[in-house]
Amino acid sequence: MKARKAVKYPPHKSSSTELKEASVAEAKSEPMIRTQIYLNKHEYDFVQTEAKRRDEPMAAVIREFIDEKMEIPEDAWTNNPMLRPTPHDPAFVGHEDGGINHDHYIYGCPKKWIKVKGKYVEAPPLPDDYYENRASSKAYDKMLRELDESK
């Protein structure tokens, strides 16, 4: 029996993960990357229905959903309540150590810094059983209150 000759195929012009979708009318000029997603039954039915309604492939519908989410609204920087200046409240008095012990004042964690002799120093380390033993946490908190001058 004769040995078979190896067949030489021309090299691929693009990688296996790149795909140009020519069937879609609005196909972009840049290469697309093929990917796979899992949808539950409700998601699949929704996308399928939307694709039929638009007379487009499901992939085009999903890409359009992603493009909508990626768009930044025109007024993102001009009408953002988080970027408005804080109203001035002359009656507000913050904590002297609010910047360095914010976790204590916001979340109730033990203080990490205490004021001793006019300077802020690191608080003593927590006992190993601070969170499990109520008596240990009370004793530690009492010791910090006695040491801390920033009250």
N, C-alpha and C. Protein backbone atom coordinates (compact mmCIF):
# COMPACT_ATOMS: atom_id res chain seq x y z
N MET A 1 0.83 -1.18 0.00
CA MET A 1 0.00 0.00 0.00
C MET A 1 0.88 1.25 0.00
N LYS A 2 0.48 2.22 -0.78
CA LYS A 2 1.26 3.45 -0.91
C LYS A 2 0.96 4.39 0.27
N ALA A 3 1.97 5.16 0.68
CA ALA A 3 1.77 6.17 1.72
C ALA A 3 1.04 7.36 1.11
N ARG A 4 0.14 7.92 1.87
CA ARG A 4 -0.62 9.08 1.38
C ARG A 4 0.23 10.34 1.44
N LYS A 5 0.03 11.19 0.47
CA LYS A 5 0.72 12.47 0.48
C LYS A 5 -0.02 13.43 1.40
N ALA A 6 0.72 14.25 2.13
CA ALA A 6 0.11 15.26 3.00
C ALA A 6 -0.49 16.36 2.14
N VAL A 7 -1.69 16.75 2.48
CA VAL A 7 -2.37 17.81 1.74
C VAL A 7 -2.03 19.13 2.41
N LYS A 8 -1.58 20.07 1.63
CA LYS A 8 -1.25 21.39 2.18
C LYS A 8 -2.41 22.34 1.90
N TYR A 9 -2.91 22.94 2.99
CA TYR A 9 -3.98 23.92 2.87
C TYR A 9 -3.39 25.32 2.99
N PRO A 10 -4.00 26.31 2.34
CA PRO A 10 -3.47 27.67 2.48
C PRO A 10 -3.66 28.14 3.93
N PRO A 11 -2.75 28.96 4.43
CA PRO A 11 -2.87 29.44 5.82
C PRO A 11 -4.11 30.31 5.99
N HIS A 12 -4.67 30.27 7.22
CA HIS A 12 -5.83 31.10 7.53
C HIS A 12 -5.42 32.55 7.58
N LYS A 13 -6.30 33.40 7.10
CA LYS A 13 -6.00 34.83 7.10
C LYS A 13 -6.36 35.49 8.42
N SER A 14 -7.19 34.85 9.24
CA SER A 14 -7.54 35.41 10.55
C SER A 14 -7.54 34.27 11.56
N SER A 15 -7.45 34.64 12.82
CA SER A 15 -7.43 33.62 13.88
C SER A 15 -8.81 32.99 13.99
N SER A 16 -8.87 31.86 14.66
CA SER A 16 -10.13 31.12 14.74
C SER A 16 -11.18 31.86 15.57
N THR A 17 -10.75 32.79 16.41
CA THR A 17 -11.72 33.49 17.25
C THR A 17 -12.29 34.74 16.60
N GLU A 18 -11.72 35.14 15.47
CA GLU A 18 -12.24 36.33 14.79
C GLU A 18 -13.25 35.93 13.74
N LEU A 19 -14.29 36.68 13.66
CA LEU A 19 -15.34 36.36 12.71
C LEU A 19 -15.90 37.66 12.15
N LYS A 20 -15.94 37.73 10.86
CA LYS A 20 -16.60 38.87 10.22
C LYS A 20 -18.00 38.43 9.87
N GLU A 21 -18.97 39.13 10.38
CA GLU A 21 -20.36 38.76 10.12
C GLU A 21 -20.86 39.58 8.95
N ALA A 22 -20.87 38.96 7.77
CA ALA A 22 -21.26 39.66 6.54
C ALA A 22 -22.76 39.64 6.33
N SER A 23 -23.46 38.74 7.02
CA SER A 23 -24.89 38.61 6.77
C SER A 23 -25.70 39.74 7.39
N VAL A 24 -25.13 40.45 8.33
CA VAL A 24 -25.85 41.54 8.98
C VAL A 24 -25.58 42.82 8.21
N ALA A 25 -26.63 43.54 7.91
CA ALA A 25 -26.50 44.74 7.08
C ALA A 25 -25.59 45.79 7.73
N GLU A 26 -25.69 45.95 9.09
CA GLU A 26 -24.89 46.96 9.75
C GLU A 26 -23.56 46.40 10.25
N ALA A 27 -23.01 45.42 9.60
CA ALA A 27 -21.76 44.81 10.06
C ALA A 27 -20.68 45.87 10.14
N LYS A 28 -19.93 45.87 11.22
CA LYS A 28 -18.88 46.85 11.42
C LYS A 28 -17.63 46.39 10.67
N SER A 29 -16.74 47.31 10.39
CA SER A 29 -15.54 46.98 9.64
C SER A 29 -14.49 46.29 10.51
N GLU A 30 -14.58 46.43 11.82
CA GLU A 30 -13.58 45.80 12.67
C GLU A 30 -13.93 44.33 12.90
N PRO A 31 -12.94 43.48 13.11
CA PRO A 31 -13.23 42.06 13.28
C PRO A 31 -13.97 41.81 14.59
N MET A 32 -14.81 40.81 14.58
CA MET A 32 -15.57 40.45 15.78
C MET A 32 -14.93 39.22 16.39
N ILE A 33 -15.10 39.08 17.68
CA ILE A 33 -14.56 37.93 18.39
C ILE A 33 -15.71 37.01 18.73
N ARG A 34 -15.59 35.78 18.30
CA ARG A 34 -16.64 34.81 18.55
C ARG A 34 -16.60 34.41 20.01
N THR A 35 -17.77 34.38 20.63
CA THR A 35 -17.87 33.99 22.03
C THR A 35 -19.14 33.19 22.23
N GLN A 36 -19.25 32.56 23.36
CA GLN A 36 -20.41 31.72 23.65
C GLN A 36 -20.95 32.15 25.00
N ILE A 37 -22.27 32.27 25.11
CA ILE A 37 -22.89 32.63 26.39
C ILE A 37 -23.98 31.61 26.71
N TYR A 38 -24.29 31.51 27.98
CA TYR A 38 -25.39 30.67 28.44
C TYR A 38 -26.53 31.56 28.86
N LEU A 39 -27.71 31.26 28.37
CA LEU A 39 -28.92 32.00 28.72
C LEU A 39 -29.91 31.02 29.34
N ASN A 40 -30.66 31.50 30.33
CA ASN A 40 -31.72 30.63 30.83
C ASN A 40 -32.89 30.70 29.83
N LYS A 41 -33.90 29.90 30.04
CA LYS A 41 -35.00 29.77 29.08
C LYS A 41 -35.70 31.11 28.84
N HIS A 42 -35.93 31.87 29.91
CA HIS A 42 -36.63 33.17 29.77
C HIS A 42 -35.79 34.16 28.97
N GLU A 43 -34.47 34.20 29.25
CA GLU A 43 -33.60 35.11 28.51
C GLU A 43 -33.54 34.72 27.03
N TYR A 44 -33.40 33.43 26.77
CA TYR A 44 -33.33 32.95 25.40
C TYR A 44 -34.61 33.28 24.63
N ASP A 45 -35.77 33.01 25.26
CA ASP A 45 -37.05 33.30 24.61
C ASP A 45 -37.18 34.80 24.32
N PHE A 46 -36.75 35.63 25.26
CA PHE A 46 -36.84 37.07 25.07
C PHE A 46 -35.99 37.52 23.88
N VAL A 47 -34.73 37.07 23.85
CA VAL A 47 -33.84 37.48 22.76
C VAL A 47 -34.34 36.93 21.42
N GLN A 48 -34.82 35.70 21.44
CA GLN A 48 -35.34 35.08 20.21
C GLN A 48 -36.55 35.87 19.68
N THR A 49 -37.46 36.24 20.56
CA THR A 49 -38.64 37.00 20.17
C THR A 49 -38.24 38.38 19.63
N GLU A 50 -37.30 39.01 20.32
CA GLU A 50 -36.83 40.33 19.88
C GLU A 50 -36.15 40.23 18.52
N ALA A 51 -35.39 39.17 18.30
CA ALA A 51 -34.72 38.98 17.00
C ALA A 51 -35.73 38.79 15.88
N LYS A 52 -36.78 38.00 16.15
CA LYS A 52 -37.82 37.81 15.13
C LYS A 52 -38.55 39.10 14.84
N ARG A 53 -38.85 39.86 15.89
CA ARG A 53 -39.55 41.12 15.73
C ARG A 53 -38.74 42.10 14.88
N ARG A 54 -37.43 42.15 15.09
CA ARG A 54 -36.56 43.07 14.36
C ARG A 54 -36.09 42.49 13.02
N ASP A 55 -36.32 41.20 12.83
CA ASP A 55 -35.85 40.50 11.64
C ASP A 55 -34.32 40.59 11.54
N GLU A 56 -33.66 40.28 12.64
CA GLU A 56 -32.21 40.29 12.75
C GLU A 56 -31.77 39.01 13.44
N PRO A 57 -30.50 38.62 13.32
CA PRO A 57 -30.02 37.47 14.07
C PRO A 57 -29.94 37.79 15.57
N MET A 58 -29.99 36.74 16.39
CA MET A 58 -29.91 36.93 17.85
C MET A 58 -28.63 37.64 18.24
N ALA A 59 -27.53 37.31 17.55
CA ALA A 59 -26.24 37.92 17.88
C ALA A 59 -26.31 39.44 17.72
N ALA A 60 -26.98 39.91 16.66
CA ALA A 60 -27.09 41.35 16.44
C ALA A 60 -27.91 42.01 17.54
N VAL A 61 -28.96 41.33 17.99
CA VAL A 61 -29.79 41.88 19.07
C VAL A 61 -28.97 41.98 20.35
N ILE A 62 -28.22 40.93 20.68
CA ILE A 62 -27.41 40.94 21.90
C ILE A 62 -26.35 42.03 21.82
N ARG A 63 -25.69 42.17 20.66
CA ARG A 63 -24.69 43.23 20.51
C ARG A 63 -25.31 44.60 20.69
N GLU A 64 -26.52 44.78 20.18
CA GLU A 64 -27.18 46.08 20.32
C GLU A 64 -27.51 46.37 21.79
N PHE A 65 -27.96 45.34 22.52
CA PHE A 65 -28.20 45.51 23.97
C PHE A 65 -26.92 45.94 24.67
N ILE A 66 -25.81 45.31 24.32
CA ILE A 66 -24.53 45.65 24.95
C ILE A 66 -24.12 47.07 24.58
N ASP A 67 -24.29 47.44 23.31
CA ASP A 67 -23.95 48.80 22.88
C ASP A 67 -24.77 49.84 23.64
N GLU A 68 -26.06 49.56 23.87
CA GLU A 68 -26.91 50.49 24.63
C GLU A 68 -26.38 50.69 26.04
N LYS A 69 -25.95 49.60 26.67
CA LYS A 69 -25.43 49.69 28.04
C LYS A 69 -24.09 50.40 28.10
N MET A 70 -23.32 50.32 27.02
CA MET A 70 -22.00 50.95 27.00
C MET A 70 -22.05 52.44 26.74
N GLU A 71 -23.16 52.94 26.23
CA GLU A 71 -23.28 54.37 25.94
C GLU A 71 -23.32 55.18 27.22
N ILE A 72 -22.59 56.27 27.22
CA ILE A 72 -22.61 57.19 28.36
C ILE A 72 -23.59 58.29 28.01
N PRO A 73 -24.58 58.53 28.87
CA PRO A 73 -25.56 59.58 28.55
C PRO A 73 -24.90 60.95 28.40
N GLU A 74 -25.52 61.79 27.60
CA GLU A 74 -24.98 63.13 27.35
C GLU A 74 -24.80 63.93 28.64
N ASP A 75 -25.73 63.77 29.57
CA ASP A 75 -25.69 64.58 30.79
C ASP A 75 -25.04 63.84 31.97
N ALA A 76 -24.21 62.85 31.68
CA ALA A 76 -23.60 62.06 32.76
C ALA A 76 -22.76 62.93 33.70
N TRP A 77 -22.08 63.92 33.16
CA TRP A 77 -21.21 64.76 34.00
C TRP A 77 -21.88 66.07 34.40
N THR A 78 -22.92 66.47 33.70
CA THR A 78 -23.55 67.75 34.01
C THR A 78 -24.76 67.60 34.92
N ASN A 79 -25.42 66.45 34.90
CA ASN A 79 -26.63 66.27 35.69
C ASN A 79 -26.49 65.08 36.63
N ASN A 80 -25.35 64.95 37.27
CA ASN A 80 -25.10 63.84 38.17
C ASN A 80 -25.20 64.33 39.61
N PRO A 81 -26.19 63.84 40.38
CA PRO A 81 -26.35 64.33 41.75
C PRO A 81 -25.15 64.02 42.65
N MET A 82 -24.38 62.99 42.30
CA MET A 82 -23.22 62.67 43.11
C MET A 82 -22.09 63.68 42.94
N LEU A 83 -22.13 64.48 41.88
CA LEU A 83 -21.08 65.45 41.62
C LEU A 83 -21.47 66.86 42.05
N ARG A 84 -22.65 67.01 42.58
CA ARG A 84 -23.08 68.33 43.05
C ARG A 84 -22.35 68.68 44.35
N PRO A 85 -22.10 69.94 44.59
CA PRO A 85 -21.41 70.31 45.84
C PRO A 85 -22.27 69.96 47.06
N THR A 86 -21.59 69.64 48.13
CA THR A 86 -22.29 69.33 49.37
C THR A 86 -22.88 70.62 49.93
N PRO A 87 -24.15 70.59 50.34
CA PRO A 87 -24.73 71.81 50.90
C PRO A 87 -24.02 72.20 52.20
N HIS A 88 -23.84 73.47 52.38
CA HIS A 88 -23.17 73.96 53.58
C HIS A 88 -24.14 73.90 54.76
N ASP A 89 -23.69 73.27 55.84
CA ASP A 89 -24.51 73.17 57.06
C ASP A 89 -23.68 73.72 58.21
N PRO A 90 -23.94 74.97 58.62
CA PRO A 90 -23.11 75.56 59.69
C PRO A 90 -23.25 74.85 61.03
N ALA A 91 -24.33 74.10 61.23
CA ALA A 91 -24.52 73.41 62.50
C ALA A 91 -23.77 72.07 62.56
N PHE A 92 -23.26 71.61 61.42
CA PHE A 92 -22.60 70.30 61.41
C PHE A 92 -21.22 70.39 62.06
N VAL A 93 -20.99 69.50 62.98
CA VAL A 93 -19.68 69.39 63.62
C VAL A 93 -19.24 67.93 63.47
N GLY A 94 -18.22 67.69 62.68
CA GLY A 94 -17.73 66.33 62.45
C GLY A 94 -16.78 65.91 63.56
N HIS A 95 -16.36 64.68 63.49
CA HIS A 95 -15.40 64.17 64.45
C HIS A 95 -14.01 64.65 64.08
N GLU A 96 -13.23 64.96 65.07
CA GLU A 96 -11.86 65.43 64.83
C GLU A 96 -11.05 64.39 64.07
N ASP A 97 -11.28 63.13 64.37
CA ASP A 97 -10.53 62.05 63.72
C ASP A 97 -11.38 61.31 62.69
N GLY A 98 -12.37 61.97 62.13
CA GLY A 98 -13.28 61.33 61.18
C GLY A 98 -12.59 60.82 59.93
N GLY A 99 -11.52 61.48 59.50
CA GLY A 99 -10.82 61.06 58.30
C GLY A 99 -10.01 59.79 58.49
N ILE A 100 -9.43 59.62 59.68
CA ILE A 100 -8.58 58.44 59.89
C ILE A 100 -9.33 57.29 60.56
N ASN A 101 -10.45 57.58 61.19
CA ASN A 101 -11.24 56.53 61.84
C ASN A 101 -12.64 56.44 61.25
N HIS A 102 -12.75 56.68 59.93
CA HIS A 102 -14.08 56.70 59.30
C HIS A 102 -14.80 55.36 59.44
N ASP A 103 -14.08 54.24 59.41
CA ASP A 103 -14.74 52.93 59.56
C ASP A 103 -15.41 52.81 60.93
N HIS A 104 -14.80 53.44 61.93
CA HIS A 104 -15.38 53.41 63.27
C HIS A 104 -16.71 54.17 63.30
N TYR A 105 -16.72 55.34 62.69
CA TYR A 105 -17.93 56.17 62.75
C TYR A 105 -19.01 55.72 61.77
N ILE A 106 -18.62 55.11 60.66
CA ILE A 106 -19.61 54.68 59.67
C ILE A 106 -20.11 53.27 59.94
N TYR A 107 -19.18 52.34 60.21
CA TYR A 107 -19.55 50.93 60.33
C TYR A 107 -19.51 50.39 61.76
N GLY A 108 -18.97 51.16 62.69
CA GLY A 108 -18.91 50.70 64.07
C GLY A 108 -17.71 49.82 64.39
N CYS A 109 -16.71 49.81 63.52
CA CYS A 109 -15.49 49.03 63.78
C CYS A 109 -14.71 49.68 64.92
N PRO A 110 -13.82 48.93 65.53
CA PRO A 110 -12.97 49.56 66.55
C PRO A 110 -12.08 50.63 65.92
N LYS A 111 -11.71 51.65 66.68
CA LYS A 111 -10.85 52.71 66.17
C LYS A 111 -9.48 52.14 65.85
N LYS A 112 -8.88 52.64 64.76
CA LYS A 112 -7.53 52.21 64.40
C LYS A 112 -6.49 53.20 64.88
N TRP A 113 -6.91 54.43 65.15
CA TRP A 113 -6.01 55.47 65.63
C TRP A 113 -6.63 56.15 66.85
N ILE A 114 -5.80 56.44 67.83
CA ILE A 114 -6.27 57.16 69.02
C ILE A 114 -5.32 58.33 69.27
N LYS A 115 -5.82 59.32 69.97
CA LYS A 115 -5.01 60.50 70.27
C LYS A 115 -4.43 60.34 71.67
N VAL A 116 -3.12 60.33 71.74
CA VAL A 116 -2.42 60.20 73.03
C VAL A 116 -1.40 61.32 73.10
N LYS A 117 -1.49 62.13 74.17
CA LYS A 117 -0.58 63.26 74.38
C LYS A 117 -0.55 64.20 73.18
N GLY A 118 -1.72 64.43 72.58
CA GLY A 118 -1.86 65.39 71.50
C GLY A 118 -1.49 64.86 70.11
N LYS A 119 -1.05 63.59 70.00
CA LYS A 119 -0.69 63.03 68.69
C LYS A 119 -1.48 61.75 68.46
N TYR A 120 -1.79 61.52 67.20
CA TYR A 120 -2.50 60.29 66.85
C TYR A 120 -1.50 59.15 66.69
N VAL A 121 -1.79 58.06 67.37
CA VAL A 121 -0.97 56.85 67.29
C VAL A 121 -1.89 55.68 67.00
N GLU A 122 -1.29 54.59 66.48
CA GLU A 122 -2.10 53.40 66.20
C GLU A 122 -2.65 52.84 67.49
N ALA A 123 -3.89 52.41 67.43
CA ALA A 123 -4.51 51.80 68.60
C ALA A 123 -3.85 50.45 68.86
N PRO A 124 -3.88 50.01 70.12
CA PRO A 124 -3.31 48.69 70.42
C PRO A 124 -4.02 47.62 69.59
N PRO A 125 -3.32 46.52 69.27
CA PRO A 125 -3.95 45.47 68.46
C PRO A 125 -5.16 44.86 69.17
N LEU A 126 -6.10 44.42 68.37
CA LEU A 126 -7.31 43.80 68.93
C LEU A 126 -6.96 42.47 69.58
N PRO A 127 -7.63 42.13 70.67
CA PRO A 127 -7.45 40.79 71.23
C PRO A 127 -7.94 39.74 70.23
N ASP A 128 -7.37 38.55 70.27
CA ASP A 128 -7.75 37.49 69.34
C ASP A 128 -9.23 37.15 69.40
N ASP A 129 -9.81 37.26 70.59
CA ASP A 129 -11.22 36.88 70.75
C ASP A 129 -12.15 38.09 70.79
N TYR A 130 -11.72 39.21 70.19
CA TYR A 130 -12.51 40.45 70.25
C TYR A 130 -13.93 40.25 69.71
N TYR A 131 -14.07 39.57 68.59
CA TYR A 131 -15.38 39.43 67.97
C TYR A 131 -16.19 38.27 68.55
N GLU A 132 -15.55 37.32 69.21
CA GLU A 132 -16.27 36.16 69.77
C GLU A 132 -16.65 36.36 71.23
N ASN A 133 -15.81 37.07 71.99
CA ASN A 133 -16.02 37.21 73.43
C ASN A 133 -16.47 38.63 73.74
N ARG A 134 -17.70 38.76 74.16
CA ARG A 134 -18.28 40.09 74.44
C ARG A 134 -17.52 40.81 75.56
N ALA A 135 -17.10 40.08 76.59
CA ALA A 135 -16.37 40.69 77.70
C ALA A 135 -15.02 41.23 77.22
N SER A 136 -14.37 40.50 76.33
CA SER A 136 -13.08 40.94 75.81
C SER A 136 -13.25 42.23 74.99
N SER A 137 -14.28 42.29 74.14
CA SER A 137 -14.49 43.49 73.33
C SER A 137 -14.87 44.68 74.20
N LYS A 138 -15.65 44.46 75.24
CA LYS A 138 -16.02 45.56 76.14
C LYS A 138 -14.79 46.09 76.87
N ALA A 139 -13.93 45.19 77.34
CA ALA A 139 -12.72 45.60 78.06
C ALA A 139 -11.79 46.38 77.12
N TYR A 140 -11.64 45.91 75.90
CA TYR A 140 -10.78 46.60 74.93
C TYR A 140 -11.34 47.99 74.61
N ASP A 141 -12.65 48.07 74.35
CA ASP A 141 -13.27 49.37 74.04
C ASP A 141 -13.13 50.34 75.21
N LYS A 142 -13.27 49.84 76.44
CA LYS A 142 -13.14 50.69 77.63
C LYS A 142 -11.71 51.20 77.74
N MET A 143 -10.72 50.33 77.48
CA MET A 143 -9.32 50.74 77.53
C MET A 143 -9.05 51.83 76.48
N LEU A 144 -9.62 51.69 75.26
CA LEU A 144 -9.42 52.70 74.23
C LEU A 144 -10.03 54.04 74.63
N ARG A 145 -11.23 54.00 75.22
CA ARG A 145 -11.88 55.25 75.64
C ARG A 145 -11.04 55.96 76.69
N GLU A 146 -10.40 55.20 77.57
CA GLU A 146 -9.57 55.83 78.61
C GLU A 146 -8.29 56.42 78.03
N LEU A 147 -7.73 55.75 77.00
CA LEU A 147 -6.49 56.23 76.39
C LEU A 147 -6.73 57.39 75.42
N ASP A 148 -7.85 57.38 74.74
CA ASP A 148 -8.13 58.31 73.65
C ASP A 148 -8.52 59.67 74.19
N GLU A 149 -7.80 60.70 73.75
CA GLU A 149 -8.09 62.08 74.17
C GLU A 149 -8.95 62.85 73.16
N SER A 150 -9.30 62.21 72.03
CA SER A 150 -10.02 62.94 70.97
C SER A 150 -11.52 62.94 71.14
N LYS A 151 -12.01 62.55 72.28
CA LYS A 151 -13.46 62.43 72.48
C LYS A 151 -14.17 63.70 72.19
